[in-house]
Amino acid sequence: MNNTKKVPVAKILDAQDKELMAIRKLERDGNALVIRGKIFGAMPMVAKLTPAEARAALKLIDFKTFLFLLTILFRKA
């Protein structure tokens, strides 16, 4: 019997539903969010989101998109 745990993966897709990135892990590093995964299924990548960049990203969101983000976890795929 195989006891290996399957690691959950979140995928970021392009407009044609092709995988751009597979996110394997989100973790905290001080005040930054570290995103670990693979780009295009092959190249390992580590990205950091700092508080300043998170605030800059929030400025890109209008009210309608903000409401969508609040409800996205409860929507069907």
N, C-alpha and C. Protein backbone atom coordinates (compact mmCIF):
# COMPACT_ATOMS: atom_id res chain seq x y z
N MET A 1 0.84 -1.18 0.00
CA MET A 1 0.00 0.00 0.00
C MET A 1 0.88 1.24 0.00
N ASN A 2 0.54 2.23 -0.78
CA ASN A 2 1.32 3.45 -0.93
C ASN A 2 0.83 4.51 0.05
N ASN A 3 1.69 4.96 0.98
CA ASN A 3 1.32 5.94 2.00
C ASN A 3 1.80 7.34 1.69
N THR A 4 2.21 7.62 0.47
CA THR A 4 2.70 8.96 0.14
C THR A 4 1.54 9.94 0.09
N LYS A 5 1.75 11.09 0.73
CA LYS A 5 0.74 12.14 0.71
C LYS A 5 0.88 12.96 -0.55
N LYS A 6 -0.24 13.30 -1.15
CA LYS A 6 -0.22 14.15 -2.33
C LYS A 6 -0.19 15.61 -1.87
N VAL A 7 0.79 16.35 -2.35
CA VAL A 7 0.92 17.76 -2.00
C VAL A 7 -0.12 18.56 -2.77
N PRO A 8 -0.93 19.38 -2.06
CA PRO A 8 -1.91 20.20 -2.78
C PRO A 8 -1.21 21.23 -3.67
N VAL A 9 -1.79 21.48 -4.81
CA VAL A 9 -1.21 22.42 -5.77
C VAL A 9 -2.30 23.39 -6.22
N ALA A 10 -1.97 24.67 -6.21
CA ALA A 10 -2.85 25.69 -6.78
C ALA A 10 -2.24 26.11 -8.11
N LYS A 11 -3.05 26.19 -9.14
CA LYS A 11 -2.53 26.52 -10.47
C LYS A 11 -2.99 27.90 -10.90
N ILE A 12 -2.10 28.61 -11.55
CA ILE A 12 -2.43 29.88 -12.19
C ILE A 12 -2.46 29.59 -13.68
N LEU A 13 -3.58 29.93 -14.31
CA LEU A 13 -3.80 29.59 -15.72
C LEU A 13 -3.79 30.85 -16.58
N ASP A 14 -3.45 30.68 -17.86
CA ASP A 14 -3.52 31.79 -18.79
C ASP A 14 -4.92 31.87 -19.40
N ALA A 15 -5.12 32.74 -20.36
CA ALA A 15 -6.44 32.94 -20.97
C ALA A 15 -6.94 31.72 -21.72
N GLN A 16 -6.05 30.83 -22.12
CA GLN A 16 -6.44 29.60 -22.83
C GLN A 16 -6.48 28.39 -21.89
N ASP A 17 -6.51 28.63 -20.59
CA ASP A 17 -6.53 27.59 -19.56
C ASP A 17 -5.31 26.70 -19.58
N LYS A 18 -4.18 27.21 -20.02
CA LYS A 18 -2.90 26.49 -19.96
C LYS A 18 -2.21 26.89 -18.65
N GLU A 19 -1.52 25.93 -18.04
CA GLU A 19 -0.87 26.19 -16.76
C GLU A 19 0.35 27.10 -16.93
N LEU A 20 0.32 28.22 -16.22
CA LEU A 20 1.47 29.12 -16.18
C LEU A 20 2.35 28.80 -14.98
N MET A 21 1.69 28.52 -13.85
CA MET A 21 2.45 28.27 -12.63
C MET A 21 1.68 27.32 -11.73
N ALA A 22 2.43 26.40 -11.12
CA ALA A 22 1.88 25.52 -10.09
C ALA A 22 2.47 25.97 -8.76
N ILE A 23 1.61 26.45 -7.88
CA ILE A 23 2.05 26.92 -6.56
C ILE A 23 2.04 25.73 -5.62
N ARG A 24 3.18 25.43 -5.05
CA ARG A 24 3.32 24.28 -4.14
C ARG A 24 3.28 24.67 -2.67
N LYS A 25 3.70 25.91 -2.37
CA LYS A 25 3.77 26.29 -0.96
C LYS A 25 3.68 27.81 -0.82
N LEU A 26 2.93 28.26 0.17
CA LEU A 26 2.88 29.66 0.57
C LEU A 26 3.35 29.71 2.01
N GLU A 27 4.32 30.58 2.29
CA GLU A 27 4.83 30.67 3.66
C GLU A 27 5.25 32.09 3.97
N ARG A 28 5.40 32.34 5.23
CA ARG A 28 5.79 33.68 5.69
C ARG A 28 7.30 33.73 5.89
N ASP A 29 7.89 34.84 5.48
CA ASP A 29 9.30 35.12 5.73
C ASP A 29 9.38 36.55 6.25
N GLY A 30 9.36 36.71 7.56
CA GLY A 30 9.30 38.04 8.14
C GLY A 30 7.96 38.68 7.79
N ASN A 31 7.99 39.81 7.12
CA ASN A 31 6.76 40.50 6.70
C ASN A 31 6.38 40.19 5.26
N ALA A 32 7.07 39.27 4.61
CA ALA A 32 6.79 38.96 3.21
C ALA A 32 6.09 37.61 3.09
N LEU A 33 5.30 37.47 2.04
CA LEU A 33 4.69 36.20 1.68
C LEU A 33 5.58 35.56 0.62
N VAL A 34 6.05 34.35 0.87
CA VAL A 34 6.92 33.64 -0.07
C VAL A 34 6.07 32.62 -0.82
N ILE A 35 6.15 32.64 -2.13
CA ILE A 35 5.40 31.73 -3.00
C ILE A 35 6.41 30.81 -3.68
N ARG A 36 6.26 29.51 -3.47
CA ARG A 36 7.17 28.53 -4.07
C ARG A 36 6.38 27.68 -5.04
N GLY A 37 6.97 27.42 -6.20
CA GLY A 37 6.30 26.60 -7.20
C GLY A 37 7.14 26.41 -8.43
N LYS A 38 6.46 26.05 -9.51
CA LYS A 38 7.13 25.85 -10.79
C LYS A 38 6.41 26.63 -11.87
N ILE A 39 7.19 27.25 -12.74
CA ILE A 39 6.64 27.97 -13.88
C ILE A 39 6.69 27.04 -15.10
N PHE A 40 5.61 27.01 -15.84
CA PHE A 40 5.50 26.18 -17.05
C PHE A 40 5.80 24.71 -16.76
N GLY A 41 5.56 24.27 -15.52
CA GLY A 41 5.74 22.87 -15.16
C GLY A 41 7.18 22.41 -15.06
N ALA A 42 8.14 23.29 -15.22
CA ALA A 42 9.54 22.85 -15.25
C ALA A 42 10.46 23.69 -14.37
N MET A 43 10.38 25.00 -14.47
CA MET A 43 11.35 25.86 -13.79
C MET A 43 10.92 26.18 -12.36
N PRO A 44 11.71 25.76 -11.36
CA PRO A 44 11.37 26.12 -9.98
C PRO A 44 11.46 27.64 -9.80
N MET A 45 10.58 28.17 -8.94
CA MET A 45 10.55 29.61 -8.73
C MET A 45 10.20 29.92 -7.29
N VAL A 46 10.84 30.94 -6.76
CA VAL A 46 10.50 31.48 -5.45
C VAL A 46 10.22 32.96 -5.66
N ALA A 47 9.03 33.39 -5.24
CA ALA A 47 8.66 34.81 -5.37
C ALA A 47 8.28 35.34 -4.00
N LYS A 48 8.53 36.62 -3.78
CA LYS A 48 8.17 37.26 -2.52
C LYS A 48 7.20 38.41 -2.79
N LEU A 49 6.19 38.49 -1.94
CA LEU A 49 5.24 39.60 -1.98
C LEU A 49 5.43 40.39 -0.69
N THR A 50 5.91 41.61 -0.82
CA THR A 50 6.15 42.46 0.35
C THR A 50 4.89 43.25 0.68
N PRO A 51 4.80 43.78 1.89
CA PRO A 51 3.63 44.60 2.24
C PRO A 51 3.42 45.78 1.28
N ALA A 52 4.51 46.41 0.87
CA ALA A 52 4.38 47.56 -0.05
C ALA A 52 3.80 47.12 -1.39
N GLU A 53 4.25 45.97 -1.89
CA GLU A 53 3.73 45.48 -3.18
C GLU A 53 2.28 45.00 -3.04
N ALA A 54 1.92 44.43 -1.88
CA ALA A 54 0.54 44.02 -1.65
C ALA A 54 -0.38 45.24 -1.64
N ARG A 55 0.08 46.32 -1.00
CA ARG A 55 -0.71 47.57 -1.01
C ARG A 55 -0.84 48.12 -2.42
N ALA A 56 0.23 48.05 -3.20
CA ALA A 56 0.18 48.53 -4.59
C ALA A 56 -0.81 47.69 -5.40
N ALA A 57 -0.84 46.38 -5.15
CA ALA A 57 -1.77 45.51 -5.87
C ALA A 57 -3.22 45.84 -5.50
N LEU A 58 -3.47 46.17 -4.24
CA LEU A 58 -4.83 46.51 -3.83
C LEU A 58 -5.34 47.77 -4.52
N LYS A 59 -4.44 48.66 -4.88
CA LYS A 59 -4.84 49.87 -5.60
C LYS A 59 -5.33 49.57 -7.01
N LEU A 60 -5.01 48.38 -7.53
CA LEU A 60 -5.45 47.98 -8.87
C LEU A 60 -6.87 47.41 -8.88
N ILE A 61 -7.42 47.16 -7.70
CA ILE A 61 -8.72 46.48 -7.58
C ILE A 61 -9.83 47.51 -7.39
N ASP A 62 -10.85 47.43 -8.24
CA ASP A 62 -12.01 48.29 -8.07
C ASP A 62 -13.00 47.60 -7.11
N PHE A 63 -14.08 48.29 -6.75
CA PHE A 63 -15.03 47.77 -5.76
C PHE A 63 -15.68 46.46 -6.23
N LYS A 64 -16.05 46.40 -7.49
CA LYS A 64 -16.71 45.21 -8.04
C LYS A 64 -15.77 43.99 -7.95
N THR A 65 -14.49 44.18 -8.26
CA THR A 65 -13.51 43.10 -8.16
C THR A 65 -13.27 42.73 -6.71
N PHE A 66 -13.27 43.70 -5.81
CA PHE A 66 -13.12 43.43 -4.38
C PHE A 66 -14.25 42.52 -3.88
N LEU A 67 -15.47 42.81 -4.29
CA LEU A 67 -16.61 41.96 -3.90
C LEU A 67 -16.45 40.55 -4.46
N PHE A 68 -15.98 40.45 -5.69
CA PHE A 68 -15.73 39.14 -6.30
C PHE A 68 -14.69 38.36 -5.49
N LEU A 69 -13.61 39.01 -5.08
CA LEU A 69 -12.56 38.35 -4.30
C LEU A 69 -13.09 37.84 -2.96
N LEU A 70 -14.02 38.57 -2.36
CA LEU A 70 -14.61 38.11 -1.10
C LEU A 70 -15.41 36.83 -1.26
N THR A 71 -15.98 36.60 -2.45
CA THR A 71 -16.86 35.45 -2.65
C THR A 71 -16.23 34.32 -3.48
N ILE A 72 -15.01 34.48 -3.97
CA ILE A 72 -14.42 33.50 -4.90
C ILE A 72 -14.26 32.11 -4.26
N LEU A 73 -13.97 32.06 -2.98
CA LEU A 73 -13.78 30.75 -2.32
C LEU A 73 -15.07 29.94 -2.24
N PHE A 74 -16.21 30.60 -2.34
CA PHE A 74 -17.50 29.93 -2.21
C PHE A 74 -18.16 29.63 -3.55
N ARG A 75 -17.48 29.93 -4.65
CA ARG A 75 -18.02 29.68 -5.98
C ARG A 75 -17.60 28.32 -6.51
N LYS A 76 -18.42 27.76 -7.38
CA LYS A 76 -18.05 26.49 -8.02
C LYS A 76 -17.04 26.72 -9.11
N ALA A 77 -16.19 25.74 -9.33
CA ALA A 77 -15.12 25.86 -10.35
C ALA A 77 -15.68 25.86 -11.74
